[in-house]
């Protein structure tokens, strides 16, 4: 894993919003008081959802809240790539570059990001987008895959990926999942096996007599 460092420029302070703090307390209540440090990952995620990234003041605030050494919270933040240690755009794009996605067109998707957004790990000029390459997103059968904010977009081509970015730039909603319309990991064009309804509607069932049953009185 590459070295992950905090951003050079940091905000002066961090504070949980009332709404976020309500969620924080919910997570802390899931654990005994002496085990409250177990909530560090979900609480850090909540801090990121509030601010868009995890700053050094946020790390210190989480450490104080959970009675943890600051270095312990820093270790969590720098280990998991789900935590952004630098400011990101309003819409953060993660392009899977592992072998299945690479073979299915991930390089073309990265080219779209470079052309439309700019350098990886830095927000675009308007602050709307940022992007980075990720290791396996775990949806190889639907490669190439991109995660935008909290959702997966699968079976992408460069043209269809660019359409998604254009919609987001216009403030439109985009529908996650396969862009070719297939359901989960089904074959392209729909199911091709086990399509006969009689296989599962019960019409082929026949009465069965179990051996060894006692005779009725």
N, C-alpha and C. Protein backbone atom coordinates (compact mmCIF):
# COMPACT_ATOMS: atom_id res chain seq x y z
N UNK A 1 0.85 -1.19 0.00
CA UNK A 1 0.00 0.00 0.00
C UNK A 1 0.88 1.25 0.00
N UNK A 2 0.49 2.25 -0.77
CA UNK A 2 1.26 3.49 -0.83
C UNK A 2 1.10 4.28 0.46
N UNK A 3 2.07 5.15 0.72
CA UNK A 3 2.01 6.00 1.90
C UNK A 3 0.90 7.02 1.74
N UNK A 4 0.07 7.16 2.74
CA UNK A 4 -1.03 8.12 2.71
C UNK A 4 -0.79 9.17 3.79
N UNK A 5 -0.73 10.42 3.39
CA UNK A 5 -0.44 11.50 4.33
C UNK A 5 -1.60 12.49 4.36
N UNK A 6 -1.69 13.22 5.46
CA UNK A 6 -2.72 14.25 5.59
C UNK A 6 -2.41 15.42 4.66
N UNK A 7 -3.44 16.15 4.29
CA UNK A 7 -3.28 17.31 3.42
C UNK A 7 -2.40 18.36 4.09
N UNK A 8 -1.61 19.06 3.27
CA UNK A 8 -0.71 20.08 3.82
C UNK A 8 -1.50 21.24 4.43
N UNK A 9 -2.62 21.59 3.80
CA UNK A 9 -3.44 22.68 4.31
C UNK A 9 -4.63 22.09 5.06
N UNK A 10 -4.81 22.55 6.30
CA UNK A 10 -5.84 22.01 7.17
C UNK A 10 -6.74 23.13 7.69
N UNK A 11 -8.02 22.82 7.93
CA UNK A 11 -8.91 23.82 8.55
C UNK A 11 -8.49 24.09 10.00
N UNK A 12 -8.93 25.21 10.52
CA UNK A 12 -8.54 25.58 11.88
C UNK A 12 -9.21 24.69 12.92
N UNK A 13 -10.40 24.18 12.61
CA UNK A 13 -11.13 23.40 13.61
C UNK A 13 -12.13 22.48 12.92
N UNK A 14 -12.73 21.61 13.72
CA UNK A 14 -13.77 20.72 13.25
C UNK A 14 -14.79 20.53 14.36
N UNK A 15 -16.06 20.46 13.99
CA UNK A 15 -17.11 20.17 14.96
C UNK A 15 -18.20 19.37 14.27
N UNK A 16 -18.72 18.35 14.95
CA UNK A 16 -19.84 17.60 14.42
C UNK A 16 -21.09 18.47 14.41
N UNK A 17 -21.85 18.40 13.33
CA UNK A 17 -23.13 19.10 13.29
C UNK A 17 -24.10 18.37 14.22
N UNK A 18 -25.19 19.02 14.65
CA UNK A 18 -26.16 18.34 15.52
C UNK A 18 -26.70 17.05 14.90
N UNK A 19 -26.99 17.08 13.60
CA UNK A 19 -27.52 15.89 12.95
C UNK A 19 -26.49 14.77 12.92
N UNK A 20 -25.25 15.12 12.61
CA UNK A 20 -24.20 14.10 12.61
C UNK A 20 -23.94 13.57 14.01
N UNK A 21 -23.98 14.46 14.99
CA UNK A 21 -23.74 14.03 16.37
C UNK A 21 -24.80 13.04 16.84
N UNK A 22 -26.01 13.20 16.36
CA UNK A 22 -27.06 12.25 16.70
C UNK A 22 -26.72 10.86 16.18
N UNK A 23 -26.19 10.79 14.95
CA UNK A 23 -25.76 9.51 14.40
C UNK A 23 -24.54 8.97 15.15
N UNK A 24 -23.65 9.86 15.54
CA UNK A 24 -22.47 9.45 16.30
C UNK A 24 -22.89 8.77 17.60
N UNK A 25 -23.83 9.37 18.31
CA UNK A 25 -24.29 8.79 19.58
C UNK A 25 -24.96 7.43 19.34
N UNK A 26 -25.67 7.30 18.22
CA UNK A 26 -26.31 6.02 17.90
C UNK A 26 -25.26 4.93 17.75
N UNK A 27 -24.17 5.24 17.06
CA UNK A 27 -23.11 4.25 16.88
C UNK A 27 -22.40 3.95 18.20
N UNK A 28 -22.16 4.96 19.00
CA UNK A 28 -21.48 4.72 20.26
C UNK A 28 -22.33 3.85 21.19
N UNK A 29 -23.64 4.00 21.11
CA UNK A 29 -24.54 3.23 21.97
C UNK A 29 -24.57 1.75 21.61
N UNK A 30 -24.03 1.39 20.44
CA UNK A 30 -24.00 -0.02 20.03
C UNK A 30 -22.95 -0.81 20.83
N UNK A 31 -22.05 -0.11 21.52
CA UNK A 31 -20.97 -0.78 22.21
C UNK A 31 -21.00 -0.44 23.70
N UNK A 32 -20.50 -1.34 24.55
CA UNK A 32 -20.38 -1.00 25.98
C UNK A 32 -19.47 0.22 26.13
N UNK A 33 -19.67 1.02 27.17
CA UNK A 33 -18.86 2.24 27.34
C UNK A 33 -17.36 1.97 27.30
N UNK A 34 -16.95 0.84 27.86
CA UNK A 34 -15.51 0.54 27.86
C UNK A 34 -15.01 0.08 26.49
N UNK A 35 -15.93 -0.14 25.54
CA UNK A 35 -15.56 -0.55 24.19
C UNK A 35 -15.95 0.49 23.15
N UNK A 36 -16.14 1.70 23.57
CA UNK A 36 -16.63 2.72 22.64
C UNK A 36 -15.66 3.01 21.50
N UNK A 37 -14.40 2.67 21.69
CA UNK A 37 -13.44 2.90 20.61
C UNK A 37 -13.73 2.04 19.38
N UNK A 38 -14.55 1.01 19.56
CA UNK A 38 -14.93 0.16 18.42
C UNK A 38 -15.71 0.95 17.38
N UNK A 39 -16.23 2.10 17.74
CA UNK A 39 -17.03 2.91 16.82
C UNK A 39 -16.19 3.87 15.98
N UNK A 40 -14.88 3.75 16.04
CA UNK A 40 -14.02 4.74 15.39
C UNK A 40 -14.24 4.79 13.88
N UNK A 41 -14.41 3.63 13.22
CA UNK A 41 -14.56 3.63 11.76
C UNK A 41 -15.88 4.27 11.33
N UNK A 42 -17.04 3.84 11.87
CA UNK A 42 -18.28 4.50 11.45
C UNK A 42 -18.32 5.99 11.81
N UNK A 43 -17.71 6.37 12.93
CA UNK A 43 -17.73 7.79 13.30
C UNK A 43 -16.84 8.59 12.36
N UNK A 44 -15.72 8.03 11.97
CA UNK A 44 -14.86 8.71 10.99
C UNK A 44 -15.58 8.83 9.65
N UNK A 45 -16.36 7.81 9.31
CA UNK A 45 -17.14 7.86 8.07
C UNK A 45 -18.17 8.98 8.14
N UNK A 46 -18.81 9.14 9.30
CA UNK A 46 -19.78 10.21 9.47
C UNK A 46 -19.11 11.58 9.34
N UNK A 47 -17.92 11.71 9.89
CA UNK A 47 -17.19 12.97 9.76
C UNK A 47 -16.88 13.27 8.30
N UNK A 48 -16.51 12.22 7.55
CA UNK A 48 -16.23 12.42 6.13
C UNK A 48 -17.50 12.77 5.36
N UNK A 49 -18.62 12.13 5.69
CA UNK A 49 -19.87 12.45 5.01
C UNK A 49 -20.28 13.90 5.28
N UNK A 50 -19.94 14.41 6.44
CA UNK A 50 -20.29 15.79 6.77
C UNK A 50 -19.42 16.80 6.03
N UNK A 51 -18.11 16.53 6.00
CA UNK A 51 -17.17 17.51 5.45
C UNK A 51 -16.68 17.17 4.05
N UNK A 52 -16.86 15.92 3.64
CA UNK A 52 -16.34 15.49 2.34
C UNK A 52 -14.99 14.82 2.44
N UNK A 53 -14.28 15.04 3.54
CA UNK A 53 -12.96 14.44 3.73
C UNK A 53 -12.64 14.42 5.22
N UNK A 54 -11.54 13.75 5.58
CA UNK A 54 -11.14 13.64 6.99
C UNK A 54 -9.93 14.54 7.23
N UNK A 55 -10.15 15.57 7.99
CA UNK A 55 -9.08 16.52 8.29
C UNK A 55 -8.37 16.16 9.59
N UNK A 56 -7.25 16.82 9.83
CA UNK A 56 -6.51 16.58 11.08
C UNK A 56 -7.31 17.03 12.30
N UNK A 57 -8.00 18.18 12.25
CA UNK A 57 -8.87 18.53 13.39
C UNK A 57 -9.99 17.52 13.63
N UNK A 58 -10.52 16.91 12.57
CA UNK A 58 -11.54 15.87 12.74
C UNK A 58 -10.96 14.66 13.43
N UNK A 59 -9.75 14.29 13.07
CA UNK A 59 -9.09 13.15 13.71
C UNK A 59 -8.90 13.42 15.20
N UNK A 60 -8.49 14.63 15.54
CA UNK A 60 -8.30 14.96 16.95
C UNK A 60 -9.64 14.97 17.69
N UNK A 61 -10.68 15.46 17.04
CA UNK A 61 -12.00 15.49 17.67
C UNK A 61 -12.52 14.07 17.93
N UNK A 62 -12.30 13.17 16.98
CA UNK A 62 -12.74 11.78 17.15
C UNK A 62 -11.94 11.11 18.27
N UNK A 63 -10.64 11.39 18.30
CA UNK A 63 -9.80 10.81 19.35
C UNK A 63 -10.28 11.26 20.73
N UNK A 64 -10.60 12.54 20.87
CA UNK A 64 -11.07 13.05 22.16
C UNK A 64 -12.43 12.44 22.52
N UNK A 65 -13.31 12.34 21.54
CA UNK A 65 -14.64 11.80 21.79
C UNK A 65 -14.57 10.35 22.28
N UNK A 66 -13.66 9.56 21.71
CA UNK A 66 -13.58 8.14 22.02
C UNK A 66 -12.49 7.81 23.03
N UNK A 67 -11.86 8.84 23.59
CA UNK A 67 -10.78 8.65 24.58
C UNK A 67 -9.67 7.76 24.01
N UNK A 68 -9.27 8.07 22.79
CA UNK A 68 -8.21 7.32 22.11
C UNK A 68 -7.00 8.22 21.90
N UNK A 69 -5.80 7.66 21.88
CA UNK A 69 -4.64 8.45 21.45
C UNK A 69 -4.85 8.91 20.00
N UNK A 70 -4.48 10.12 19.72
CA UNK A 70 -4.68 10.65 18.37
C UNK A 70 -4.01 9.78 17.31
N UNK A 71 -2.85 9.23 17.64
CA UNK A 71 -2.12 8.41 16.66
C UNK A 71 -2.92 7.18 16.28
N UNK A 72 -3.72 6.64 17.21
CA UNK A 72 -4.52 5.46 16.90
C UNK A 72 -5.59 5.79 15.86
N UNK A 73 -6.20 6.95 15.99
CA UNK A 73 -7.21 7.37 15.00
C UNK A 73 -6.53 7.68 13.67
N UNK A 74 -5.35 8.29 13.73
CA UNK A 74 -4.60 8.59 12.52
C UNK A 74 -4.24 7.30 11.78
N UNK A 75 -3.90 6.26 12.53
CA UNK A 75 -3.59 4.97 11.91
C UNK A 75 -4.77 4.44 11.11
N UNK A 76 -5.97 4.57 11.66
CA UNK A 76 -7.17 4.11 10.96
C UNK A 76 -7.39 4.93 9.69
N UNK A 77 -7.27 6.24 9.82
CA UNK A 77 -7.54 7.13 8.69
C UNK A 77 -6.57 6.89 7.53
N UNK A 78 -5.32 6.62 7.85
CA UNK A 78 -4.32 6.46 6.78
C UNK A 78 -4.30 5.03 6.23
N UNK A 79 -4.87 4.07 6.96
CA UNK A 79 -4.85 2.68 6.48
C UNK A 79 -5.94 2.42 5.46
N UNK A 80 -7.16 2.92 5.72
CA UNK A 80 -8.30 2.59 4.87
C UNK A 80 -8.47 3.64 3.77
N UNK A 81 -8.42 3.19 2.51
CA UNK A 81 -8.52 4.13 1.40
C UNK A 81 -9.92 4.70 1.22
N UNK A 82 -10.90 4.18 1.97
CA UNK A 82 -12.25 4.76 1.92
C UNK A 82 -12.28 6.16 2.54
N UNK A 83 -11.25 6.50 3.30
CA UNK A 83 -11.19 7.82 3.92
C UNK A 83 -10.34 8.75 3.07
N UNK A 84 -10.91 9.89 2.72
CA UNK A 84 -10.20 10.88 1.92
C UNK A 84 -9.42 11.80 2.85
N UNK A 85 -8.13 11.88 2.65
CA UNK A 85 -7.28 12.71 3.50
C UNK A 85 -7.03 14.08 2.90
N UNK A 86 -7.61 14.34 1.73
CA UNK A 86 -7.52 15.64 1.07
C UNK A 86 -8.93 16.05 0.62
N UNK A 87 -9.17 17.32 0.44
CA UNK A 87 -10.49 17.75 -0.05
C UNK A 87 -10.80 17.10 -1.40
N UNK A 88 -12.06 16.75 -1.59
CA UNK A 88 -12.51 16.16 -2.85
C UNK A 88 -13.63 17.01 -3.42
N UNK A 89 -14.02 16.71 -4.65
CA UNK A 89 -15.10 17.44 -5.29
C UNK A 89 -16.46 17.06 -4.72
N UNK A 90 -17.46 17.79 -5.14
CA UNK A 90 -18.83 17.47 -4.72
C UNK A 90 -19.18 16.04 -5.09
N UNK A 91 -18.72 15.60 -6.26
CA UNK A 91 -18.90 14.22 -6.70
C UNK A 91 -17.52 13.59 -6.85
N UNK A 92 -17.26 12.57 -6.04
CA UNK A 92 -15.96 11.91 -6.09
C UNK A 92 -16.09 10.60 -6.85
N UNK A 93 -15.23 10.41 -7.84
CA UNK A 93 -15.29 9.26 -8.72
C UNK A 93 -14.09 8.35 -8.46
N UNK A 94 -14.39 7.06 -8.28
CA UNK A 94 -13.34 6.07 -8.08
C UNK A 94 -13.39 5.07 -9.23
N UNK A 95 -12.33 5.04 -10.01
CA UNK A 95 -12.25 4.18 -11.18
C UNK A 95 -11.46 2.93 -10.82
N UNK A 96 -12.07 1.76 -10.96
CA UNK A 96 -11.36 0.52 -10.69
C UNK A 96 -10.36 0.26 -11.82
N UNK A 97 -9.10 0.03 -11.43
CA UNK A 97 -8.07 -0.20 -12.44
C UNK A 97 -7.46 -1.58 -12.38
N UNK A 98 -8.07 -2.49 -11.60
CA UNK A 98 -7.54 -3.84 -11.48
C UNK A 98 -7.81 -4.63 -12.77
N UNK A 99 -7.13 -5.74 -12.92
CA UNK A 99 -7.04 -6.45 -14.21
C UNK A 99 -8.36 -6.62 -14.96
N UNK A 100 -9.45 -7.17 -14.35
CA UNK A 100 -10.68 -7.35 -15.14
C UNK A 100 -11.20 -6.03 -15.71
N UNK A 101 -11.21 -4.97 -14.89
CA UNK A 101 -11.68 -3.68 -15.40
C UNK A 101 -10.71 -3.09 -16.41
N UNK A 102 -9.42 -3.29 -16.20
CA UNK A 102 -8.43 -2.78 -17.15
C UNK A 102 -8.61 -3.43 -18.51
N UNK A 103 -8.88 -4.76 -18.51
CA UNK A 103 -9.07 -5.47 -19.78
C UNK A 103 -10.37 -5.07 -20.47
N UNK A 104 -11.33 -4.54 -19.70
CA UNK A 104 -12.63 -4.20 -20.24
C UNK A 104 -12.81 -2.70 -20.49
N UNK A 105 -11.73 -1.92 -20.37
CA UNK A 105 -11.84 -0.53 -20.76
C UNK A 105 -11.59 0.51 -19.70
N UNK A 106 -11.02 0.14 -18.56
CA UNK A 106 -10.79 1.12 -17.50
C UNK A 106 -9.85 2.25 -17.94
N UNK A 107 -8.89 1.93 -18.82
CA UNK A 107 -7.97 2.97 -19.27
C UNK A 107 -8.71 4.07 -20.01
N UNK A 108 -9.73 3.69 -20.80
CA UNK A 108 -10.53 4.70 -21.49
C UNK A 108 -11.33 5.55 -20.50
N UNK A 109 -11.80 4.92 -19.41
CA UNK A 109 -12.53 5.68 -18.39
C UNK A 109 -11.61 6.67 -17.68
N UNK A 110 -10.39 6.25 -17.42
CA UNK A 110 -9.43 7.17 -16.79
C UNK A 110 -9.11 8.34 -17.72
N UNK A 111 -9.06 8.06 -19.02
CA UNK A 111 -8.81 9.13 -19.99
C UNK A 111 -9.93 10.17 -19.96
N UNK A 112 -11.19 9.70 -19.80
CA UNK A 112 -12.32 10.62 -19.67
C UNK A 112 -12.15 11.50 -18.44
N UNK A 113 -11.74 10.89 -17.32
CA UNK A 113 -11.55 11.65 -16.09
C UNK A 113 -10.47 12.72 -16.27
N UNK A 114 -9.39 12.34 -16.89
CA UNK A 114 -8.29 13.30 -17.09
C UNK A 114 -8.73 14.46 -17.97
N UNK A 115 -9.54 14.15 -18.99
CA UNK A 115 -9.97 15.20 -19.91
C UNK A 115 -11.05 16.08 -19.31
N UNK A 116 -12.00 15.48 -18.59
CA UNK A 116 -13.14 16.23 -18.07
C UNK A 116 -12.89 16.86 -16.70
N UNK A 117 -12.04 16.21 -15.89
CA UNK A 117 -11.86 16.66 -14.50
C UNK A 117 -10.48 17.23 -14.26
N UNK A 118 -9.47 16.53 -14.77
CA UNK A 118 -8.10 16.98 -14.55
C UNK A 118 -7.28 15.95 -13.82
N UNK A 119 -6.30 16.41 -13.08
CA UNK A 119 -5.39 15.53 -12.37
C UNK A 119 -6.12 14.74 -11.29
N UNK A 120 -5.71 13.49 -11.11
CA UNK A 120 -6.29 12.66 -10.04
C UNK A 120 -5.96 13.25 -8.68
N UNK A 121 -6.82 12.99 -7.71
CA UNK A 121 -6.64 13.39 -6.31
C UNK A 121 -6.73 14.91 -6.10
N UNK A 122 -7.33 15.60 -7.03
CA UNK A 122 -7.49 17.05 -6.87
C UNK A 122 -8.85 17.46 -7.42
N UNK A 123 -9.59 18.31 -6.72
CA UNK A 123 -10.89 18.75 -7.23
C UNK A 123 -10.74 19.51 -8.54
N UNK A 124 -11.77 19.41 -9.37
CA UNK A 124 -11.79 20.17 -10.63
C UNK A 124 -11.85 21.66 -10.32
N UNK A 125 -11.64 22.47 -11.35
CA UNK A 125 -11.59 23.92 -11.15
C UNK A 125 -12.88 24.47 -10.54
N UNK A 126 -14.02 23.87 -10.89
CA UNK A 126 -15.29 24.34 -10.36
C UNK A 126 -15.69 23.65 -9.05
N UNK A 127 -14.85 22.71 -8.59
CA UNK A 127 -15.13 22.02 -7.34
C UNK A 127 -16.20 20.95 -7.44
N UNK A 128 -16.67 20.67 -8.64
CA UNK A 128 -17.76 19.71 -8.80
C UNK A 128 -17.29 18.26 -8.77
N UNK A 129 -16.07 18.01 -9.24
CA UNK A 129 -15.63 16.63 -9.39
C UNK A 129 -14.20 16.44 -8.88
N UNK A 130 -13.92 15.22 -8.49
CA UNK A 130 -12.56 14.74 -8.28
C UNK A 130 -12.56 13.25 -8.59
N UNK A 131 -11.38 12.69 -8.80
CA UNK A 131 -11.34 11.28 -9.15
C UNK A 131 -10.02 10.66 -8.71
N UNK A 132 -10.03 9.33 -8.62
CA UNK A 132 -8.83 8.58 -8.32
C UNK A 132 -9.00 7.16 -8.85
N UNK A 133 -7.87 6.49 -9.07
CA UNK A 133 -7.92 5.08 -9.44
C UNK A 133 -7.91 4.23 -8.18
N UNK A 134 -8.73 3.19 -8.17
CA UNK A 134 -8.83 2.31 -7.01
C UNK A 134 -8.43 0.89 -7.38
N UNK A 135 -8.04 0.13 -6.36
CA UNK A 135 -7.90 -1.30 -6.55
C UNK A 135 -9.29 -1.91 -6.58
N UNK A 136 -9.38 -3.22 -6.71
CA UNK A 136 -10.62 -3.92 -7.01
C UNK A 136 -11.81 -3.44 -6.19
N UNK A 137 -12.89 -3.07 -6.88
CA UNK A 137 -14.13 -2.66 -6.23
C UNK A 137 -15.06 -3.85 -5.98
N UNK A 138 -14.64 -5.04 -6.39
CA UNK A 138 -15.38 -6.25 -6.06
C UNK A 138 -16.59 -6.53 -6.93
N UNK A 139 -16.64 -5.95 -8.12
CA UNK A 139 -17.75 -6.23 -9.04
C UNK A 139 -17.19 -6.60 -10.40
N UNK A 140 -16.19 -7.48 -10.40
CA UNK A 140 -15.42 -7.79 -11.61
C UNK A 140 -16.28 -8.30 -12.76
N UNK A 141 -17.35 -9.05 -12.44
CA UNK A 141 -18.16 -9.63 -13.51
C UNK A 141 -18.88 -8.56 -14.32
N UNK A 142 -19.01 -7.35 -13.75
CA UNK A 142 -19.66 -6.24 -14.46
C UNK A 142 -18.65 -5.17 -14.87
N UNK A 143 -17.43 -5.58 -15.10
CA UNK A 143 -16.37 -4.64 -15.47
C UNK A 143 -16.64 -3.98 -16.83
N UNK A 144 -16.17 -2.73 -16.99
CA UNK A 144 -15.47 -1.90 -16.02
C UNK A 144 -16.45 -1.20 -15.07
N UNK A 145 -15.99 -0.99 -13.85
CA UNK A 145 -16.84 -0.46 -12.78
C UNK A 145 -16.26 0.84 -12.25
N UNK A 146 -17.16 1.78 -11.96
CA UNK A 146 -16.78 3.05 -11.36
C UNK A 146 -17.71 3.30 -10.18
N UNK A 147 -17.16 3.75 -9.07
CA UNK A 147 -17.97 4.19 -7.94
C UNK A 147 -18.06 5.70 -7.97
N UNK A 148 -19.28 6.22 -7.98
CA UNK A 148 -19.50 7.67 -7.93
C UNK A 148 -20.23 7.95 -6.63
N UNK A 149 -19.60 8.72 -5.77
CA UNK A 149 -20.12 8.97 -4.42
C UNK A 149 -20.31 7.63 -3.71
N UNK A 150 -21.52 7.21 -3.44
CA UNK A 150 -21.74 5.97 -2.68
C UNK A 150 -22.25 4.81 -3.54
N UNK A 151 -22.26 4.95 -4.86
CA UNK A 151 -22.92 3.94 -5.69
C UNK A 151 -22.02 3.46 -6.83
N UNK A 152 -22.30 2.22 -7.27
CA UNK A 152 -21.56 1.60 -8.36
C UNK A 152 -22.27 1.83 -9.69
N UNK A 153 -21.47 2.04 -10.73
CA UNK A 153 -21.95 2.15 -12.11
C UNK A 153 -21.13 1.16 -12.93
N UNK A 154 -21.81 0.23 -13.58
CA UNK A 154 -21.15 -0.95 -14.13
C UNK A 154 -21.35 -1.08 -15.64
N UNK A 155 -20.53 -1.94 -16.25
CA UNK A 155 -20.60 -2.20 -17.71
C UNK A 155 -20.41 -0.92 -18.51
N UNK A 156 -19.54 -0.05 -18.05
CA UNK A 156 -19.41 1.27 -18.67
C UNK A 156 -18.58 1.23 -19.95
N UNK A 157 -18.87 2.17 -20.81
CA UNK A 157 -18.00 2.53 -21.92
C UNK A 157 -17.59 3.97 -21.71
N UNK A 158 -16.60 4.42 -22.44
CA UNK A 158 -16.16 5.81 -22.29
C UNK A 158 -17.30 6.78 -22.58
N UNK A 159 -18.07 6.51 -23.65
CA UNK A 159 -19.17 7.41 -24.01
C UNK A 159 -20.25 7.45 -22.94
N UNK A 160 -20.64 6.29 -22.42
CA UNK A 160 -21.68 6.25 -21.41
C UNK A 160 -21.21 6.86 -20.09
N UNK A 161 -19.94 6.68 -19.78
CA UNK A 161 -19.36 7.29 -18.59
C UNK A 161 -19.38 8.81 -18.70
N UNK A 162 -19.06 9.31 -19.87
CA UNK A 162 -19.05 10.77 -20.07
C UNK A 162 -20.47 11.33 -19.95
N UNK A 163 -21.47 10.58 -20.40
CA UNK A 163 -22.86 11.01 -20.25
C UNK A 163 -23.22 11.15 -18.77
N UNK A 164 -22.76 10.22 -17.94
CA UNK A 164 -23.02 10.30 -16.50
C UNK A 164 -22.42 11.57 -15.91
N UNK A 165 -21.19 11.87 -16.30
CA UNK A 165 -20.53 13.08 -15.79
C UNK A 165 -21.27 14.33 -16.24
N UNK A 166 -21.72 14.34 -17.50
CA UNK A 166 -22.46 15.49 -18.01
C UNK A 166 -23.76 15.70 -17.23
N UNK A 167 -24.46 14.62 -16.91
CA UNK A 167 -25.70 14.73 -16.15
C UNK A 167 -25.44 15.30 -14.76
N UNK A 168 -24.40 14.80 -14.10
CA UNK A 168 -24.06 15.30 -12.77
C UNK A 168 -23.69 16.78 -12.83
N UNK A 169 -22.97 17.18 -13.88
CA UNK A 169 -22.58 18.58 -14.03
C UNK A 169 -23.80 19.48 -14.19
N UNK A 170 -24.88 18.93 -14.77
CA UNK A 170 -26.12 19.71 -14.94
C UNK A 170 -27.02 19.62 -13.71
N UNK A 171 -26.58 18.88 -12.69
CA UNK A 171 -27.38 18.75 -11.48
C UNK A 171 -28.44 17.68 -11.57
N UNK A 172 -28.36 16.80 -12.56
CA UNK A 172 -29.34 15.74 -12.72
C UNK A 172 -28.96 14.51 -11.91
N UNK A 173 -29.95 13.70 -11.58
CA UNK A 173 -29.69 12.45 -10.88
C UNK A 173 -29.31 11.37 -11.88
N UNK A 174 -28.48 10.46 -11.44
CA UNK A 174 -28.09 9.35 -12.30
C UNK A 174 -28.44 8.04 -11.59
N UNK A 175 -28.80 7.04 -12.37
CA UNK A 175 -29.26 5.77 -11.84
C UNK A 175 -28.10 4.80 -11.71
N UNK A 176 -27.81 4.31 -10.50
CA UNK A 176 -26.70 3.37 -10.34
C UNK A 176 -27.03 2.00 -10.92
N UNK A 177 -25.99 1.18 -11.05
CA UNK A 177 -26.16 -0.16 -11.58
C UNK A 177 -25.55 -0.30 -12.96
N UNK A 178 -25.99 -1.31 -13.66
CA UNK A 178 -25.46 -1.60 -15.00
C UNK A 178 -26.04 -0.62 -16.01
N UNK A 179 -25.18 -0.01 -16.80
CA UNK A 179 -25.66 0.94 -17.82
C UNK A 179 -26.28 0.22 -19.00
N UNK A 180 -26.05 -1.10 -19.11
CA UNK A 180 -26.69 -1.85 -20.19
C UNK A 180 -28.01 -2.48 -19.73
N UNK A 181 -28.38 -2.23 -18.48
CA UNK A 181 -29.68 -2.64 -18.00
C UNK A 181 -29.78 -4.06 -17.50
N UNK A 182 -28.67 -4.76 -17.41
CA UNK A 182 -28.79 -6.12 -16.90
C UNK A 182 -28.93 -6.11 -15.38
N UNK A 183 -29.60 -7.11 -14.87
CA UNK A 183 -29.88 -7.17 -13.45
C UNK A 183 -28.77 -7.92 -12.73
N UNK A 184 -28.19 -7.30 -11.73
CA UNK A 184 -27.04 -7.82 -10.99
C UNK A 184 -26.00 -8.36 -11.96
N UNK A 185 -25.70 -9.66 -11.90
CA UNK A 185 -24.67 -10.23 -12.77
C UNK A 185 -25.26 -11.15 -13.84
N UNK A 186 -26.52 -10.92 -14.19
CA UNK A 186 -27.17 -11.74 -15.22
C UNK A 186 -26.49 -11.54 -16.57
N UNK A 187 -26.62 -12.50 -17.48
CA UNK A 187 -26.01 -12.33 -18.81
C UNK A 187 -26.59 -11.13 -19.55
N UNK A 188 -25.81 -10.58 -20.44
CA UNK A 188 -26.29 -9.47 -21.26
C UNK A 188 -27.49 -9.93 -22.09
N UNK A 189 -28.57 -9.18 -22.04
CA UNK A 189 -29.77 -9.55 -22.75
C UNK A 189 -30.75 -10.36 -21.93
N UNK A 190 -30.41 -10.63 -20.67
CA UNK A 190 -31.32 -11.37 -19.81
C UNK A 190 -30.91 -12.81 -19.60
N UNK A 191 -31.66 -13.50 -18.77
CA UNK A 191 -31.35 -14.90 -18.44
C UNK A 191 -31.43 -15.78 -19.67
N UNK A 192 -30.53 -16.74 -19.78
CA UNK A 192 -30.50 -17.66 -20.91
C UNK A 192 -30.65 -19.11 -20.47
N UNK A 193 -30.80 -19.34 -19.19
CA UNK A 193 -30.97 -20.70 -18.66
C UNK A 193 -32.06 -20.68 -17.59
N UNK A 194 -32.67 -21.84 -17.36
CA UNK A 194 -33.72 -21.98 -16.36
C UNK A 194 -34.86 -20.99 -16.61
N UNK A 195 -35.22 -20.82 -17.87
CA UNK A 195 -36.27 -19.87 -18.22
C UNK A 195 -37.65 -20.50 -18.34
N UNK A 196 -37.74 -21.83 -18.27
CA UNK A 196 -39.02 -22.52 -18.37
C UNK A 196 -39.77 -22.38 -17.05
N UNK A 197 -40.93 -21.71 -17.03
CA UNK A 197 -41.66 -21.51 -15.77
C UNK A 197 -42.02 -22.80 -15.05
N UNK A 198 -42.18 -23.90 -15.81
CA UNK A 198 -42.58 -25.15 -15.16
C UNK A 198 -41.48 -25.71 -14.27
N UNK A 199 -40.28 -25.16 -14.39
CA UNK A 199 -39.19 -25.64 -13.54
C UNK A 199 -39.34 -25.18 -12.10
N UNK A 200 -40.12 -24.11 -11.90
CA UNK A 200 -40.22 -23.58 -10.54
C UNK A 200 -41.64 -23.20 -10.12
N UNK A 201 -42.64 -23.41 -10.95
CA UNK A 201 -44.00 -23.01 -10.56
C UNK A 201 -44.79 -24.14 -9.89
N UNK A 202 -44.16 -25.33 -9.74
CA UNK A 202 -44.81 -26.43 -9.06
C UNK A 202 -45.67 -27.31 -9.94
N UNK A 203 -45.81 -26.96 -11.21
CA UNK A 203 -46.72 -27.73 -12.07
C UNK A 203 -46.20 -29.14 -12.37
N UNK A 204 -44.91 -29.37 -12.22
CA UNK A 204 -44.34 -30.68 -12.49
C UNK A 204 -44.32 -31.57 -11.25
N UNK A 205 -44.75 -31.05 -10.13
CA UNK A 205 -44.71 -31.83 -8.90
C UNK A 205 -45.70 -32.99 -8.95
N UNK A 206 -45.30 -34.11 -8.40
CA UNK A 206 -46.14 -35.29 -8.34
C UNK A 206 -46.24 -35.76 -6.89
N UNK A 207 -47.38 -36.42 -6.54
CA UNK A 207 -47.50 -36.94 -5.17
C UNK A 207 -46.37 -37.92 -4.88
N UNK A 208 -45.83 -37.82 -3.70
CA UNK A 208 -44.73 -38.69 -3.29
C UNK A 208 -45.15 -39.46 -2.06
N UNK A 209 -44.91 -40.78 -2.07
CA UNK A 209 -45.19 -41.62 -0.91
C UNK A 209 -43.87 -41.96 -0.24
N UNK A 210 -43.73 -41.51 0.99
CA UNK A 210 -42.49 -41.75 1.71
C UNK A 210 -42.46 -43.19 2.21
N UNK A 211 -41.35 -43.88 2.05
CA UNK A 211 -41.24 -45.27 2.50
C UNK A 211 -41.20 -45.36 4.02
N UNK A 212 -41.75 -46.46 4.55
CA UNK A 212 -41.64 -46.70 5.98
C UNK A 212 -42.69 -46.04 6.84
N UNK A 213 -43.66 -45.36 6.19
CA UNK A 213 -44.69 -44.71 6.98
C UNK A 213 -45.62 -45.75 7.59
N UNK A 214 -46.10 -45.58 8.83
CA UNK A 214 -47.02 -46.55 9.43
C UNK A 214 -48.38 -46.53 8.72
N UNK A 215 -49.03 -47.68 8.70
CA UNK A 215 -50.34 -47.76 8.09
C UNK A 215 -51.35 -46.99 8.93
N UNK A 216 -52.29 -46.34 8.21
CA UNK A 216 -53.34 -45.62 8.93
C UNK A 216 -54.25 -46.59 9.67
N UNK A 217 -54.70 -46.21 10.87
CA UNK A 217 -55.62 -47.06 11.67
C UNK A 217 -56.95 -47.18 10.94
